[in-house]
C-alpha atoms as a PDB file:
ATOM      1  CA  MET A   1       4.067  14.893   6.295  1.00  0.00           C
ATOM      2  CA  ARG A   2       6.038  14.351   3.069  1.00  0.00           C
ATOM      3  CA  GLU A   3       7.784  17.648   3.358  1.00  0.00           C
ATOM      4  CA  GLY A   4       8.817  16.702   7.014  1.00  0.00           C
ATOM      5  CA  LEU A   5      10.115  13.281   5.930  1.00  0.00           C
ATOM      6  CA  ARG A   6      12.111  14.909   3.127  1.00  0.00           C
ATOM      7  CA  LEU A   7      13.828  17.124   5.612  1.00  0.00           C
ATOM      8  CA  LEU A   8      14.418  14.441   8.059  1.00  0.00           C
ATOM      9  CA  LEU A   9      15.956  12.284   5.498  1.00  0.00           C
ATOM     10  CA  GLU A  10      18.070  14.906   3.948  1.00  0.00           C
ATOM     11  CA  ARG A  11      19.423  15.940   7.256  1.00  0.00           C
ATOM     12  CA  GLU A  12      20.436  12.302   7.831  1.00  0.00           C
ATOM     13  CA  GLY A  13      22.386  12.400   4.537  1.00  0.00           C
ATOM     14  CA  TYR A  14      19.932  10.530   2.227  1.00  0.00           C
ATOM     15  CA  ARG A  15      19.100  11.795  -1.205  1.00  0.00           C
ATOM     16  CA  VAL A  16      15.337  11.861  -1.799  1.00  0.00           C
ATOM     17  CA  LEU A  17      14.704  11.233  -5.536  1.00  0.00           C
ATOM     18  CA  GLY A  18      11.114  12.102  -5.611  1.00  0.00           C
ATOM     19  CA  GLU A  19       7.819  12.403  -3.908  1.00  0.00           C
ATOM     20  CA  ALA A  20       4.534  10.796  -5.241  1.00  0.00           C
ATOM     21  CA  GLY A  21       0.996  11.828  -4.298  1.00  0.00           C
ATOM     22  CA  ASP A  22      -0.580   8.440  -4.898  1.00  0.00           C
ATOM     23  CA  GLY A  23       0.454   4.720  -5.446  1.00  0.00           C
ATOM     24  CA  ARG A  24       0.248   4.828  -9.188  1.00  0.00           C
ATOM     25  CA  GLU A  25       2.576   7.789  -9.354  1.00  0.00           C
ATOM     26  CA  ALA A  26       4.869   6.046  -6.861  1.00  0.00           C
ATOM     27  CA  CYS A  27       5.286   2.998  -9.061  1.00  0.00           C
ATOM     28  CA  ARG A  28       5.850   5.085 -12.170  1.00  0.00           C
ATOM     29  CA  MET A  29       8.491   7.180 -10.335  1.00  0.00           C
ATOM     30  CA  ALA A  30      10.221   4.094  -8.950  1.00  0.00           C
ATOM     31  CA  ALA A  31      10.458   2.676 -12.472  1.00  0.00           C
ATOM     32  CA  GLU A  32      12.086   5.883 -13.697  1.00  0.00           C
ATOM     33  CA  LEU A  33      14.286   6.827 -10.923  1.00  0.00           C
ATOM     34  CA  HIS A  34      15.483   3.434  -9.622  1.00  0.00           C
ATOM     35  CA  PRO A  35      15.600   4.289  -5.844  1.00  0.00           C
ATOM     36  CA  HIS A  36      17.112   1.766  -3.442  1.00  0.00           C
ATOM     37  CA  VAL A  37      14.248   2.193  -1.010  1.00  0.00           C
ATOM     38  CA  ALA A  38      10.680   3.386  -1.397  1.00  0.00           C
ATOM     39  CA  LEU A  39       8.560   4.567   1.431  1.00  0.00           C
ATOM     40  CA  LEU A  40       4.874   3.876   0.877  1.00  0.00           C
ATOM     41  CA  ASP A  41       2.049   5.104   2.923  1.00  0.00           C
ATOM     42  CA  VAL A  42      -0.369   2.098   3.235  1.00  0.00           C
ATOM     43  CA  SER A  43      -3.445   4.449   2.664  1.00  0.00           C
ATOM     44  CA  MET A  44      -2.444   6.265  -0.543  1.00  0.00           C
ATOM     45  CA  PRO A  45      -5.166   7.284  -2.974  1.00  0.00           C
ATOM     46  CA  VAL A  46      -5.621   5.827  -6.521  1.00  0.00           C
ATOM     47  CA  LEU A  47      -3.484   2.840  -5.707  1.00  0.00           C
ATOM     48  CA  ASN A  48      -2.952   2.044  -2.096  1.00  0.00           C
ATOM     49  CA  GLY A  49       0.480   1.152  -0.669  1.00  0.00           C
ATOM     50  CA  ILE A  50      -0.093  -2.494  -0.427  1.00  0.00           C
ATOM     51  CA  GLU A  51      -1.070  -2.776  -4.012  1.00  0.00           C
ATOM     52  CA  ALA A  52       1.831  -0.407  -4.973  1.00  0.00           C
ATOM     53  CA  ALA A  53       4.308  -2.759  -3.038  1.00  0.00           C
ATOM     54  CA  ARG A  54       2.890  -5.795  -4.957  1.00  0.00           C
ATOM     55  CA  THR A  55       3.438  -3.890  -8.229  1.00  0.00           C
ATOM     56  CA  LEU A  56       6.900  -2.711  -7.350  1.00  0.00           C
ATOM     57  CA  ARG A  57       7.868  -6.364  -6.320  1.00  0.00           C
ATOM     58  CA  GLU A  58       7.153  -7.484  -9.792  1.00  0.00           C
ATOM     59  CA  SER A  59       8.195  -4.468 -11.922  1.00  0.00           C
ATOM     60  CA  CYS A  60      11.047  -3.230  -9.892  1.00  0.00           C
ATOM     61  CA  PRO A  61      12.402  -6.042  -7.538  1.00  0.00           C
ATOM     62  CA  HIS A  62      15.557  -4.054  -6.810  1.00  0.00           C
ATOM     63  CA  VAL A  63      13.562  -1.413  -4.930  1.00  0.00           C
ATOM     64  CA  GLN A  64      13.106  -2.285  -1.311  1.00  0.00           C
ATOM     65  CA  THR A  65       9.780  -0.966   0.311  1.00  0.00           C
ATOM     66  CA  ILE A  66       8.954   0.287   3.688  1.00  0.00           C
ATOM     67  CA  ALA A  67       5.344   0.813   4.742  1.00  0.00           C
ATOM     68  CA  LEU A  68       4.919   4.037   6.640  1.00  0.00           C
ATOM     69  CA  THR A  69       1.425   3.959   8.271  1.00  0.00           C
ATOM     70  CA  VAL A  70      -0.903   4.585  11.258  1.00  0.00           C
ATOM     71  CA  HIS A  71      -2.158   0.952  11.122  1.00  0.00           C
ATOM     72  CA  ASP A  72      -0.828  -1.529  13.647  1.00  0.00           C
ATOM     73  CA  ASP A  73      -3.667  -4.114  13.337  1.00  0.00           C
ATOM     74  CA  ASP A  74      -3.223  -7.833  12.271  1.00  0.00           C
ATOM     75  CA  ALA A  75      -4.751  -7.269   8.890  1.00  0.00           C
ATOM     76  CA  HIS A  76      -2.670  -4.437   7.800  1.00  0.00           C
ATOM     77  CA  VAL A  77       0.729  -5.757   9.097  1.00  0.00           C
ATOM     78  CA  LEU A  78       0.160  -9.231   7.692  1.00  0.00           C
ATOM     79  CA  ALA A  79      -1.118  -7.955   4.325  1.00  0.00           C
ATOM     80  CA  ALA A  80       1.836  -5.539   4.003  1.00  0.00           C
ATOM     81  CA  LEU A  81       4.343  -8.418   4.663  1.00  0.00           C
ATOM     82  CA  GLU A  82       2.700 -10.666   2.272  1.00  0.00           C
ATOM     83  CA  ALA A  83       2.786  -7.868  -0.330  1.00  0.00           C
ATOM     84  CA  GLY A  84       6.540  -7.752   0.035  1.00  0.00           C
ATOM     85  CA  PHE A  85       7.293  -4.824   2.247  1.00  0.00           C
ATOM     86  CA  ARG A  86      10.703  -5.195   3.943  1.00  0.00           C
ATOM     87  CA  GLY A  87       9.980  -2.613   6.705  1.00  0.00           C
ATOM     88  CA  TYR A  88       6.996  -1.490   8.669  1.00  0.00           C
ATOM     89  CA  VAL A  89       7.067   1.800  10.587  1.00  0.00           C
ATOM     90  CA  LEU A  90       4.306   3.415  12.432  1.00  0.00           C
ATOM     91  CA  LYS A  91       3.924   7.245  11.602  1.00  0.00           C
ATOM     92  CA  ALA A  92       3.947   7.970  15.387  1.00  0.00           C
ATOM     93  CA  GLN A  93       7.536   6.611  15.504  1.00  0.00           C
ATOM     94  CA  ALA A  94       8.743   7.708  12.100  1.00  0.00           C
ATOM     95  CA  GLY A  95      11.221  10.262  13.454  1.00  0.00           C
ATOM     96  CA  LYS A  96      12.916   7.719  15.638  1.00  0.00           C
ATOM     97  CA  GLU A  97      12.565   4.514  13.659  1.00  0.00           C
ATOM     98  CA  LEU A  98      12.633   5.558  10.008  1.00  0.00           C
ATOM     99  CA  VAL A  99      16.428   5.969   9.763  1.00  0.00           C
ATOM    100  CA  ALA A 100      17.008   2.549  11.398  1.00  0.00           C
ATOM    101  CA  ALA A 101      14.457   1.030   9.025  1.00  0.00           C
ATOM    102  CA  ILE A 102      16.007   2.517   5.904  1.00  0.00           C
ATOM    103  CA  GLU A 103      19.496   1.238   6.958  1.00  0.00           C
ATOM    104  CA  GLN A 104      18.360  -2.244   7.664  1.00  0.00           C
ATOM    105  CA  VAL A 105      16.141  -2.577   4.485  1.00  0.00           C
ATOM    106  CA  ARG A 106      18.751  -1.094   2.270  1.00  0.00           C
ATOM    107  CA  THR A 107      21.179  -3.904   3.189  1.00  0.00           C
ATOM    108  CA  GLY A 108      18.650  -6.591   2.640  1.00  0.00           C
ATOM    109  CA  GLU A 109      17.321  -6.932   6.231  1.00  0.00           C
ATOM    110  CA  VAL A 110      13.845  -6.615   7.427  1.00  0.00           C
ATOM    111  CA  TYR A 111      12.743  -3.985   9.884  1.00  0.00           C
ATOM    112  CA  LEU A 112       9.596  -4.095  12.049  1.00  0.00           C
ATOM    113  CA  GLY A 113       8.911  -1.767  14.832  1.00  0.00           C
ATOM    114  CA  PRO A 114       7.679  -3.063  18.229  1.00  0.00           C
ATOM    115  CA  ALA A 115       3.963  -3.131  17.390  1.00  0.00           C
ATOM    116  CA  PRO A 116       4.272  -4.760  14.066  1.00  0.00           C
ATOM    117  CA  SER A 117       6.704  -7.351  15.593  1.00  0.00           C
ATOM    118  CA  ARG A 118       4.163  -8.215  18.265  1.00  0.00           C
ATOM    119  CA  VAL A 119       1.452  -8.656  15.626  1.00  0.00           C
ATOM    120  CA  LEU A 120       3.719 -10.939  13.544  1.00  0.00           C
ATOM    121  CA  VAL A 121       4.791 -13.135  16.530  1.00  0.00           C
ATOM    122  CA  ASP A 122       1.192 -13.476  17.761  1.00  0.00           C
ATOM    123  CA  ALA A 123       0.002 -14.320  14.200  1.00  0.00           C
ATOM    124  CA  TYR A 124       2.644 -16.953  13.868  1.00  0.00           C
ATOM    125  CA  ARG A 125       1.875 -18.513  17.283  1.00  0.00           C
ATOM    126  CA  GLU A 126      -1.795 -18.612  16.541  1.00  0.00           C
ATOM    127  CA  GLY A 127      -1.320 -19.735  12.770  1.00  0.00           C
ATOM    128  CA  ARG A 128      -3.057 -16.598  11.459  1.00  0.00           C
ATOM    129  CA  HIS A 129      -2.545 -15.101   8.041  1.00  0.00           C
ATOM    130  CA  ALA A 130      -3.795 -12.082   6.161  1.00  0.00           C
ATOM    131  CA  PRO A 131      -7.421 -12.493   5.248  1.00  0.00           C
ATOM    132  CA  VAL A 132      -8.000 -14.131   1.957  1.00  0.00           C
ATOM    133  CA  ASP A 133      -9.246 -11.666  -0.573  1.00  0.00           C
ATOM    134  CA  PRO A 134     -11.491 -12.982  -3.371  1.00  0.00           C
ATOM    135  CA  LEU A 135     -10.609 -10.110  -5.672  1.00  0.00           C
ATOM    136  CA  THR A 136      -7.841  -9.963  -8.283  1.00  0.00           C
ATOM    137  CA  PRO A 137      -5.326  -7.100  -8.046  1.00  0.00           C
ATOM    138  CA  ARG A 138      -7.138  -5.188 -10.756  1.00  0.00           C
ATOM    139  CA  GLU A 139     -10.466  -5.714  -9.029  1.00  0.00           C
ATOM    140  CA  ARG A 140      -9.017  -4.330  -5.821  1.00  0.00           C
ATOM    141  CA  GLU A 141      -7.638  -1.326  -7.746  1.00  0.00           C
ATOM    142  CA  VAL A 142     -11.183  -0.683  -9.162  1.00  0.00           C
ATOM    143  CA  LEU A 143     -12.818  -1.232  -5.932  1.00  0.00           C
ATOM    144  CA  GLN A 144     -10.469   1.369  -4.249  1.00  0.00           C
ATOM    145  CA  LEU A 145     -11.299   3.863  -6.931  1.00  0.00           C
ATOM    146  CA  VAL A 146     -15.108   3.213  -6.669  1.00  0.00           C
ATOM    147  CA  ALA A 147     -14.830   3.652  -2.908  1.00  0.00           C
ATOM    148  CA  GLU A 148     -12.905   6.933  -3.350  1.00  0.00           C
ATOM    149  CA  GLY A 149     -16.052   8.156  -5.252  1.00  0.00           C
ATOM    150  CA  ARG A 150     -14.571   8.175  -8.714  1.00  0.00           C
ATOM    151  CA  SER A 151     -16.887   7.860 -11.619  1.00  0.00           C
ATOM    152  CA  THR A 152     -16.794   4.981 -14.156  1.00  0.00           C
ATOM    153  CA  ARG A 153     -15.196   7.298 -16.837  1.00  0.00           C
ATOM    154  CA  GLU A 154     -12.491   8.511 -14.420  1.00  0.00           C
ATOM    155  CA  ILE A 155     -11.528   4.987 -13.414  1.00  0.00           C
ATOM    156  CA  ALA A 156     -11.395   3.981 -17.076  1.00  0.00           C
ATOM    157  CA  GLU A 157      -9.005   6.867 -17.658  1.00  0.00           C
ATOM    158  CA  LEU A 158      -6.857   6.156 -14.589  1.00  0.00           C
ATOM    159  CA  ILE A 159      -6.364   2.516 -15.392  1.00  0.00           C
ATOM    160  CA  GLY A 160      -6.160   2.862 -19.095  1.00  0.00           C
ATOM    161  CA  THR A 161      -9.161   0.806 -20.142  1.00  0.00           C
ATOM    162  CA  SER A 162     -12.687   1.252 -21.453  1.00  0.00           C
ATOM    163  CA  VAL A 163     -15.799   2.232 -19.480  1.00  0.00           C
ATOM    164  CA  LYS A 164     -17.299  -1.288 -20.369  1.00  0.00           C
ATOM    165  CA  THR A 165     -14.222  -3.012 -18.874  1.00  0.00           C
ATOM    166  CA  VAL A 166     -14.670  -0.945 -15.622  1.00  0.00           C
ATOM    167  CA  GLU A 167     -18.332  -1.828 -15.471  1.00  0.00           C
ATOM    168  CA  SER A 168     -17.425  -5.506 -16.012  1.00  0.00           C
ATOM    169  CA  HIS A 169     -14.900  -5.293 -13.115  1.00  0.00           C
ATOM    170  CA  ARG A 170     -17.571  -3.627 -10.940  1.00  0.00           C
ATOM    171  CA  THR A 171     -20.066  -6.276 -11.684  1.00  0.00           C
ATOM    172  CA  ARG A 172     -17.656  -8.986 -10.867  1.00  0.00           C
ATOM    173  CA  ILE A 173     -16.612  -7.268  -7.585  1.00  0.00           C
ATOM    174  CA  GLN A 174     -20.245  -6.882  -6.581  1.00  0.00           C
ATOM    175  CA  ARG A 175     -20.953 -10.571  -7.405  1.00  0.00           C
ATOM    176  CA  LYS A 176     -17.837 -11.878  -5.512  1.00  0.00           C
ATOM    177  CA  LEU A 177     -18.413  -9.754  -2.474  1.00  0.00           C
ATOM    178  CA  ARG A 178     -22.287  -9.997  -2.605  1.00  0.00           C
ATOM    179  CA  ILE A 179     -22.557  -6.285  -2.305  1.00  0.00           C
ATOM    180  CA  ARG A 180     -25.029  -4.390  -4.402  1.00  0.00           C
ATOM    181  CA  ASP A 181     -24.328  -0.819  -3.942  1.00  0.00           C
ATOM    182  CA  ASN A 182     -21.352   1.672  -3.821  1.00  0.00           C
ATOM    183  CA  ALA A 183     -21.839   2.512  -0.125  1.00  0.00           C
ATOM    184  CA  GLY A 184     -21.558  -1.226   0.628  1.00  0.00           C
ATOM    185  CA  LEU A 185     -18.321  -1.393  -1.512  1.00  0.00           C
ATOM    186  CA  ALA A 186     -16.976   1.711   0.234  1.00  0.00           C
ATOM    187  CA  ARG A 187     -17.545   0.098   3.632  1.00  0.00           C
ATOM    188  CA  TYR A 188     -15.849  -3.045   2.463  1.00  0.00           C
ATOM    189  CA  ALA A 189     -12.840  -0.980   1.222  1.00  0.00           C
ATOM    190  CA  ILE A 190     -12.633   0.648   4.611  1.00  0.00           C
ATOM    191  CA  ARG A 191     -12.657  -2.585   6.502  1.00  0.00           C
ATOM    192  CA  ARG A 192      -9.984  -3.986   4.233  1.00  0.00           C
ATOM    193  CA  GLY A 193      -7.824  -0.862   4.572  1.00  0.00           C
ATOM    194  CA  LEU A 194      -7.970   0.128   0.893  1.00  0.00           C
ATOM    195  CA  ILE A 195      -9.197   3.666   1.837  1.00  0.00           C
ATOM    196  CA  GLU A 196      -9.369   5.660   5.051  1.00  0.00           C
ATOM    197  CA  PRO A 197     -12.726   6.300   6.607  1.00  0.00           C
END
Protein backbone atom coordinates (compact mmCIF):
# COMPACT_ATOMS: atom_id res chain seq x y z
CA MET A 1 0.00 0.00 0.00
CA ARG A 2 2.76 2.47 0.93
CA GLU A 3 4.61 1.83 -2.31
CA GLY A 4 1.45 2.43 -4.34
CA LEU A 5 0.75 5.66 -2.47
CA ARG A 6 4.31 6.86 -3.03
CA LEU A 7 4.00 6.24 -6.80
CA LEU A 8 0.63 7.99 -6.94
CA LEU A 9 1.88 11.03 -5.03
CA GLU A 10 5.13 11.32 -6.97
CA ARG A 11 3.21 11.05 -10.26
CA GLU A 12 1.07 13.98 -9.05
CA GLY A 13 4.20 16.05 -8.39
CA TYR A 14 4.50 15.65 -4.62
CA ARG A 15 7.79 14.92 -2.91
CA VAL A 16 7.50 12.07 -0.42
CA LEU A 17 9.96 12.76 2.40
CA GLY A 18 9.70 9.39 4.10
CA GLU A 19 7.70 6.31 4.99
CA ALA A 20 7.13 4.94 8.47
CA GLY A 21 6.15 1.44 9.51
CA ASP A 22 4.47 2.46 12.75
CA GLY A 23 3.07 5.50 14.55
CA ARG A 24 6.08 6.09 16.77
CA GLU A 25 8.39 6.12 13.74
CA ALA A 26 5.99 8.47 11.91
CA CYS A 27 6.16 10.97 14.78
CA ARG A 28 9.96 10.78 14.91
CA MET A 29 10.26 11.26 11.14
CA ALA A 30 7.82 14.19 11.13
CA ALA A 31 9.91 15.94 13.80
CA GLU A 32 13.07 15.39 11.74
CA LEU A 33 11.77 16.00 8.20
CA HIS A 34 9.15 18.74 8.80
CA PRO A 35 6.61 17.69 6.15
CA HIS A 36 3.65 19.91 5.30
CA VAL A 37 1.28 16.93 5.39
CA ALA A 38 1.48 13.50 7.05
CA LEU A 39 -0.72 10.61 5.92
CA LEU A 40 -1.40 8.32 8.87
CA ASP A 41 -3.12 4.96 8.82
CA VAL A 42 -5.51 4.88 11.76
CA SER A 43 -4.52 1.26 12.53
CA MET A 44 -0.72 1.52 12.63
CA PRO A 45 1.22 -0.76 14.98
CA VAL A 46 3.12 0.39 18.10
CA LEU A 47 1.32 3.75 18.18
CA ASN A 48 -1.97 3.93 16.26
CA GLY A 49 -2.74 6.81 13.93
CA ILE A 50 -5.09 8.58 16.30
CA GLU A 51 -2.49 8.69 19.06
CA ALA A 52 0.19 9.66 16.51
CA ALA A 53 -2.00 12.57 15.33
CA ARG A 54 -2.43 13.74 18.94
CA THR A 55 1.32 13.58 19.42
CA LEU A 56 2.00 15.49 16.20
CA ARG A 57 -0.58 18.14 17.06
CA GLU A 58 1.46 18.92 20.18
CA SER A 59 5.03 18.33 19.00
CA CYS A 60 4.77 19.41 15.34
CA PRO A 61 1.77 21.74 15.04
CA HIS A 62 2.90 22.81 11.55
CA VAL A 63 2.29 19.27 10.21
CA GLN A 64 -1.24 18.80 8.87
CA THR A 65 -2.49 15.22 9.23
CA ILE A 66 -4.75 13.13 7.03
CA ALA A 67 -6.23 9.84 8.21
CA LEU A 68 -6.07 7.11 5.61
CA THR A 69 -8.22 4.22 6.78
CA VAL A 70 -10.76 1.51 6.12
CA HIS A 71 -12.91 2.68 9.07
CA ASP A 72 -15.99 4.74 8.29
CA ASP A 73 -17.85 4.24 11.58
CA ASP A 74 -18.80 6.98 14.03
CA ALA A 75 -16.24 6.10 16.68
CA HIS A 76 -13.24 6.25 14.34
CA VAL A 77 -14.30 9.37 12.42
CA LEU A 78 -15.14 11.35 15.56
CA ALA A 79 -12.03 10.20 17.43
CA ALA A 80 -9.85 11.13 14.45
CA LEU A 81 -11.32 14.62 14.18
CA GLU A 82 -11.00 15.17 17.92
CA ALA A 83 -7.37 14.03 17.71
CA GLY A 84 -6.67 16.80 15.21
CA PHE A 85 -6.81 15.19 11.77
CA ARG A 86 -7.54 17.76 9.06
CA GLY A 87 -8.49 15.14 6.49
CA TYR A 88 -10.16 11.73 6.50
CA VAL A 89 -9.88 9.52 3.43
CA LEU A 90 -11.07 5.94 3.08
CA LYS A 91 -8.53 3.59 1.52
CA ALA A 92 -11.12 2.42 -1.00
CA GLN A 93 -11.22 5.97 -2.43
CA ALA A 94 -7.56 6.81 -1.85
CA GLY A 95 -6.69 7.10 -5.54
CA LYS A 96 -9.52 9.49 -6.29
CA GLU A 97 -9.66 11.53 -3.11
CA LEU A 98 -6.15 11.60 -1.73
CA VAL A 99 -4.79 14.33 -4.00
CA ALA A 100 -7.83 16.52 -3.34
CA ALA A 101 -7.43 15.92 0.39
CA ILE A 102 -3.75 16.87 0.35
CA GLU A 103 -4.43 20.05 -1.60
CA GLN A 104 -7.16 21.17 0.77
CA VAL A 105 -5.37 20.24 3.98
CA ARG A 106 -2.11 21.81 2.80
CA THR A 107 -3.85 25.17 2.48
CA GLY A 108 -5.44 24.95 5.94
CA GLU A 109 -8.81 23.56 4.88
CA VAL A 110 -10.48 20.38 6.07
CA TYR A 111 -11.21 17.42 3.79
CA LEU A 112 -13.76 14.73 4.55
CA GLY A 113 -14.89 12.17 2.01
CA PRO A 114 -18.61 11.39 1.61
CA ALA A 115 -18.83 8.68 4.32
CA PRO A 116 -16.97 10.67 7.02
CA SER A 117 -19.01 13.77 6.14
CA ARG A 118 -22.24 11.83 6.66
CA VAL A 119 -20.97 10.51 10.01
CA LEU A 120 -20.03 14.02 11.16
CA VAL A 121 -23.36 15.56 10.12
CA ASP A 122 -25.34 12.75 11.76
CA ALA A 123 -23.28 13.00 14.94
CA TYR A 124 -23.77 16.78 15.05
CA ARG A 125 -27.53 16.48 14.56
CA GLU A 126 -27.80 13.85 17.26
CA GLY A 127 -25.36 15.53 19.66
CA ARG A 128 -22.97 12.53 19.66
CA HIS A 129 -19.26 12.75 20.42
CA ALA A 130 -16.41 10.29 20.35
CA PRO A 131 -16.76 7.86 23.26
CA VAL A 132 -15.04 9.09 26.40
CA ASP A 133 -11.90 7.10 27.07
CA PRO A 134 -10.96 6.73 30.74
CA LEU A 135 -7.32 6.05 29.85
CA THR A 136 -4.48 8.54 29.59
CA PRO A 137 -2.52 8.72 26.30
CA ARG A 138 0.31 6.69 27.87
CA GLU A 139 -2.15 4.08 29.11
CA ARG A 140 -3.70 3.82 25.63
CA GLU A 141 -0.21 3.35 24.21
CA VAL A 142 0.56 0.57 26.71
CA LEU A 143 -2.85 -1.01 26.09
CA GLN A 144 -2.20 -1.10 22.35
CA LEU A 145 1.17 -2.75 22.86
CA VAL A 146 -0.29 -5.30 25.28
CA ALA A 147 -3.07 -6.05 22.79
CA GLU A 148 -0.46 -6.50 20.04
CA GLY A 149 1.00 -9.29 22.19
CA ARG A 150 4.19 -7.52 23.27
CA SER A 151 5.91 -8.56 26.47
CA THR A 152 6.30 -6.21 29.42
CA ARG A 153 10.03 -5.95 28.70
CA GLU A 154 9.40 -5.11 25.01
CA ILE A 155 6.88 -2.44 25.98
CA ALA A 156 9.33 -0.92 28.45
CA GLU A 157 12.01 -0.73 25.75
CA LEU A 158 9.62 0.73 23.17
CA ILE A 159 8.32 3.50 25.41
CA GLY A 160 11.60 4.12 27.19
CA THR A 161 10.61 3.28 30.73
CA SER A 162 11.12 0.55 33.32
CA VAL A 163 9.38 -2.82 33.49
CA LYS A 164 7.90 -1.76 36.87
CA THR A 165 6.36 1.35 35.30
CA VAL A 166 4.79 -0.73 32.52
CA GLU A 167 3.37 -3.11 35.13
CA SER A 168 1.92 -0.11 37.00
CA HIS A 169 0.30 1.17 33.80
CA ARG A 170 -1.15 -2.29 33.10
CA THR A 171 -2.58 -2.50 36.64
CA ARG A 172 -4.20 0.94 36.31
CA ILE A 173 -5.60 0.03 32.87
CA GLN A 174 -7.11 -3.19 34.20
CA ARG A 175 -8.57 -1.38 37.20
CA LYS A 176 -10.05 1.47 35.13
CA LEU A 177 -11.52 -0.87 32.51
CA ARG A 178 -12.47 -3.59 35.02
CA ILE A 179 -10.75 -6.15 32.80
CA ARG A 180 -8.54 -8.76 34.42
CA ASP A 181 -6.77 -10.54 31.54
CA ASN A 182 -4.83 -9.81 28.36
CA ALA A 183 -7.51 -11.39 26.15
CA GLY A 184 -10.08 -8.97 27.57
CA LEU A 185 -7.70 -6.06 27.05
CA ALA A 186 -7.17 -7.15 23.43
CA ARG A 187 -10.94 -7.30 22.83
CA TYR A 188 -11.32 -3.80 24.30
CA ALA A 189 -8.47 -2.50 22.10
CA ILE A 190 -10.15 -3.97 19.01
CA ARG A 191 -13.52 -2.41 19.92
CA ARG A 192 -11.82 0.97 20.42
CA GLY A 193 -9.96 0.66 17.12
CA LEU A 194 -6.49 0.64 18.70
CA ILE A 195 -5.63 -2.57 16.84
CA GLU A 196 -7.09 -4.57 13.97
CA PRO A 197 -8.80 -7.90 14.76
